[in-house]
Protein backbone atom coordinates (compact mmCIF):
# COMPACT_ATOMS: atom_id res chain seq x y z
CA MET A 1 -0.06 0.00 0.11
CA VAL A 2 1.70 3.55 -1.04
CA ASP A 3 1.69 5.85 1.78
CA THR A 4 2.22 9.41 0.04
CA VAL A 5 -0.15 11.05 -2.52
CA GLY A 6 3.17 11.06 -4.97
CA GLY A 7 3.07 7.28 -4.26
CA LEU A 8 -0.27 6.97 -5.21
CA THR A 9 -0.24 9.18 -8.28
CA ASN A 10 3.15 7.41 -9.49
CA GLU A 11 1.58 3.74 -8.89
CA LEU A 12 -1.52 4.99 -11.19
CA ALA A 13 0.67 6.20 -14.00
CA VAL A 14 2.69 3.26 -14.19
CA MET A 15 -0.76 0.92 -13.85
CA LEU A 16 -2.64 3.42 -16.48
CA ASN A 17 0.37 4.27 -18.70
CA ALA A 18 -0.04 8.46 -17.77
CA LYS A 19 2.04 11.04 -16.58
CA PRO A 20 1.75 11.38 -12.87
CA ASP A 21 1.78 15.53 -13.14
CA ARG A 22 -1.75 14.72 -15.25
CA ILE A 23 -3.26 12.70 -12.00
CA ALA A 24 -5.37 14.51 -9.32
CA LEU A 25 -6.89 13.01 -6.27
CA THR A 26 -10.75 13.68 -5.72
CA LYS A 27 -13.50 12.64 -3.22
CA SER A 28 -15.35 10.43 -5.71
CA VAL A 29 -15.60 9.96 -9.45
CA THR A 30 -18.92 11.58 -9.42
CA GLU A 31 -16.92 14.78 -8.40
CA SER A 32 -14.36 14.01 -11.27
CA LEU A 33 -17.00 13.77 -13.65
CA ASN A 34 -18.55 17.08 -12.45
CA ILE A 35 -15.50 18.66 -12.60
CA LEU A 36 -15.05 17.56 -16.46
CA ALA A 37 -18.65 18.67 -17.15
CA GLN A 38 -18.04 21.76 -15.39
CA GLY A 39 -14.28 22.56 -16.64
CA ILE A 40 -15.40 22.51 -20.33
CA ARG A 41 -16.65 25.77 -22.24
CA TRP A 42 -19.86 24.51 -23.57
CA LYS A 43 -21.98 26.35 -26.56
CA ARG A 44 -25.32 26.02 -27.36
CA GLY A 45 -26.06 23.13 -29.53
CA ASP A 46 -22.66 21.08 -28.41
CA ARG A 47 -23.39 17.60 -28.31
CA ILE A 48 -22.63 14.87 -25.74
CA ILE A 49 -22.98 11.28 -26.60
CA LEU A 50 -23.83 8.95 -23.28
CA ASN A 51 -25.47 5.77 -23.33
CA ASP A 52 -29.35 4.21 -21.87
CA ILE A 53 -27.42 1.63 -19.15
CA GLU A 54 -24.86 4.22 -17.51
CA PHE A 55 -24.43 4.31 -13.99
CA PRO A 56 -25.96 7.70 -12.84
CA ALA A 57 -23.00 9.32 -11.71
CA ASN A 58 -21.95 9.15 -15.22
CA VAL A 59 -24.74 10.73 -16.56
CA TYR A 60 -26.23 13.44 -14.18
CA PRO A 61 -23.07 15.82 -14.76
CA PHE A 62 -23.84 15.91 -18.13
CA LEU A 63 -27.76 16.22 -17.97
CA ASN A 64 -27.26 19.33 -15.80
CA LEU A 65 -25.60 21.15 -18.97
CA LYS A 66 -28.75 21.29 -20.69
CA LYS A 67 -29.69 24.40 -18.88
CA TYR A 68 -26.79 25.99 -21.30
CA GLY A 69 -28.04 24.50 -24.12
CA VAL A 70 -26.14 21.39 -24.39
CA GLU A 71 -27.75 18.52 -26.45
CA ILE A 72 -27.57 14.39 -25.15
CA ASP A 73 -27.78 11.77 -27.57
CA PHE A 74 -28.28 8.40 -25.51
CA VAL A 75 -27.18 5.08 -27.48
CA LYS A 76 -29.70 2.87 -26.89
CA SER A 77 -28.19 -0.66 -25.34
CA LYS A 78 -28.97 -3.88 -26.81
CA ASN A 79 -29.17 -6.81 -24.28
CA GLY A 80 -26.65 -4.82 -21.88
CA THR A 81 -23.95 -4.02 -24.48
CA ILE A 82 -22.94 -1.38 -26.77
CA ASP A 83 -22.72 -1.35 -30.14
CA ILE A 84 -20.01 1.07 -31.46
CA GLY A 85 -21.76 1.45 -34.66
CA ASP A 86 -24.44 2.81 -32.91
CA ILE A 87 -22.05 5.71 -31.20
CA GLY A 88 -20.82 6.41 -34.82
CA LYS A 89 -24.24 7.18 -36.19
CA LEU A 90 -24.94 9.75 -33.14
CA ILE A 91 -21.77 11.71 -34.22
CA THR A 92 -22.20 15.13 -35.67
CA PRO A 93 -19.85 18.05 -36.19
CA LYS A 94 -21.35 19.42 -32.90
CA THR A 95 -20.36 16.16 -30.62
CA LYS A 96 -17.99 17.56 -28.42
CA LEU A 97 -17.76 14.73 -25.78
CA LEU A 98 -18.41 11.26 -25.52
CA SER A 99 -18.44 9.71 -21.89
CA ILE A 100 -18.94 5.88 -21.12
CA SER A 101 -18.26 3.45 -18.61
CA PHE A 102 -15.32 0.69 -19.41
CA VAL A 103 -17.18 -2.10 -17.57
CA GLN A 104 -21.07 -1.50 -17.45
CA PHE A 105 -22.01 -1.85 -13.68
CA LEU A 106 -25.44 -4.03 -14.33
CA SER A 107 -24.41 -5.91 -17.04
CA GLY A 108 -20.61 -6.21 -16.80
CA PHE A 109 -20.11 -5.53 -20.46
CA ARG A 110 -16.95 -4.26 -21.35
CA VAL A 111 -16.53 -1.91 -24.22
CA ASP A 112 -13.95 -1.62 -26.72
CA LEU A 113 -12.04 1.71 -25.39
CA GLU A 114 -9.19 1.47 -28.37
CA THR A 115 -11.86 1.56 -31.05
CA ILE A 116 -14.04 4.42 -29.35
CA GLY A 117 -11.06 6.12 -28.69
CA GLU A 118 -9.84 5.85 -32.10
CA LEU A 119 -13.60 6.97 -33.29
CA CYS A 120 -13.21 10.25 -30.61
CA SER A 121 -9.98 10.85 -31.99
CA LYS A 122 -10.78 10.98 -35.70
CA HIS A 123 -13.86 13.12 -35.07
CA LYS A 124 -11.96 15.46 -32.39
CA ILE A 125 -14.40 14.32 -29.39
CA ILE A 126 -13.08 14.56 -25.94
CA PHE A 127 -12.97 10.92 -24.70
CA SER A 128 -13.95 10.27 -21.04
CA VAL A 129 -14.35 6.85 -19.30
CA ASP A 130 -15.45 6.18 -15.73
CA ALA A 131 -13.11 3.36 -14.67
CA ILE A 132 -14.17 2.17 -11.61
CA GLN A 133 -15.54 -1.01 -12.27
CA GLY A 134 -12.43 -2.15 -14.57
CA ALA A 135 -9.61 -0.40 -13.31
CA GLY A 136 -6.90 -2.45 -11.58
CA VAL A 137 -8.44 -5.47 -12.52
CA ILE A 138 -8.11 -5.17 -16.26
CA ARG A 139 -5.37 -3.71 -17.89
CA LEU A 140 -5.92 0.27 -19.15
CA ASP A 141 -3.72 2.46 -20.96
CA VAL A 142 -4.99 5.91 -21.46
CA LYS A 143 -2.33 6.68 -24.17
CA LYS A 144 -3.20 3.48 -26.57
CA TYR A 145 -6.75 3.85 -25.91
CA LYS A 146 -6.53 7.84 -26.36
CA ILE A 147 -8.46 8.70 -23.44
CA ASP A 148 -8.63 12.60 -22.55
CA PHE A 149 -10.17 11.87 -19.18
CA LEU A 150 -10.14 8.78 -17.06
CA ALA A 151 -12.02 8.64 -13.71
CA GLY A 152 -11.80 5.88 -11.33
CA GLY A 153 -11.27 4.81 -7.69
CA LYS A 154 -11.02 1.51 -5.25
CA TRP A 155 -11.59 0.06 -2.18
CA ASP A 156 -10.30 2.89 0.72
CA LEU A 157 -8.29 4.92 -1.67
CA PRO A 158 -9.77 8.32 -2.98
CA ALA A 159 -10.64 8.61 -6.13
CA TRP A 160 -8.65 9.84 -9.06
CA VAL A 161 -8.80 11.34 -12.41
CA ILE A 162 -6.10 11.56 -15.14
CA CYS A 163 -6.44 14.43 -17.93
CA SER A 164 -4.13 13.26 -20.84
């Protein structure tokens, strides 16, 4: 077990292939996602892609942006899974962010982060991942998967966020 903030961020950096100076500790994943949602300069008509089986902490921070004229597009799940083709169909020139859980909390479905990261990169979309259900159990690489914002936490450690 690490006993310093620096030790924790260094361990997370190695585990997730991130830079330690791009890692911050937060109280919860919900707080981390709220920091993301409130930290972007949104314009009326900007769009966010979510899905209909997300954990509420990965939905409500973005739904709150509707008061600023931000539109939310929901990918409809199929038998507890998310089809990448369905994500692609929702992308418009106004899509600014896509947020998704690495592992869905209800079904256990693990999304293909590499393919989604490529899709977001190609369209210049901010790629946000809630990693709490999979980080530390399944290998995660923020650089390889082109993740812009990763939020997670485990057990008795503080939550953390990585901005690449």
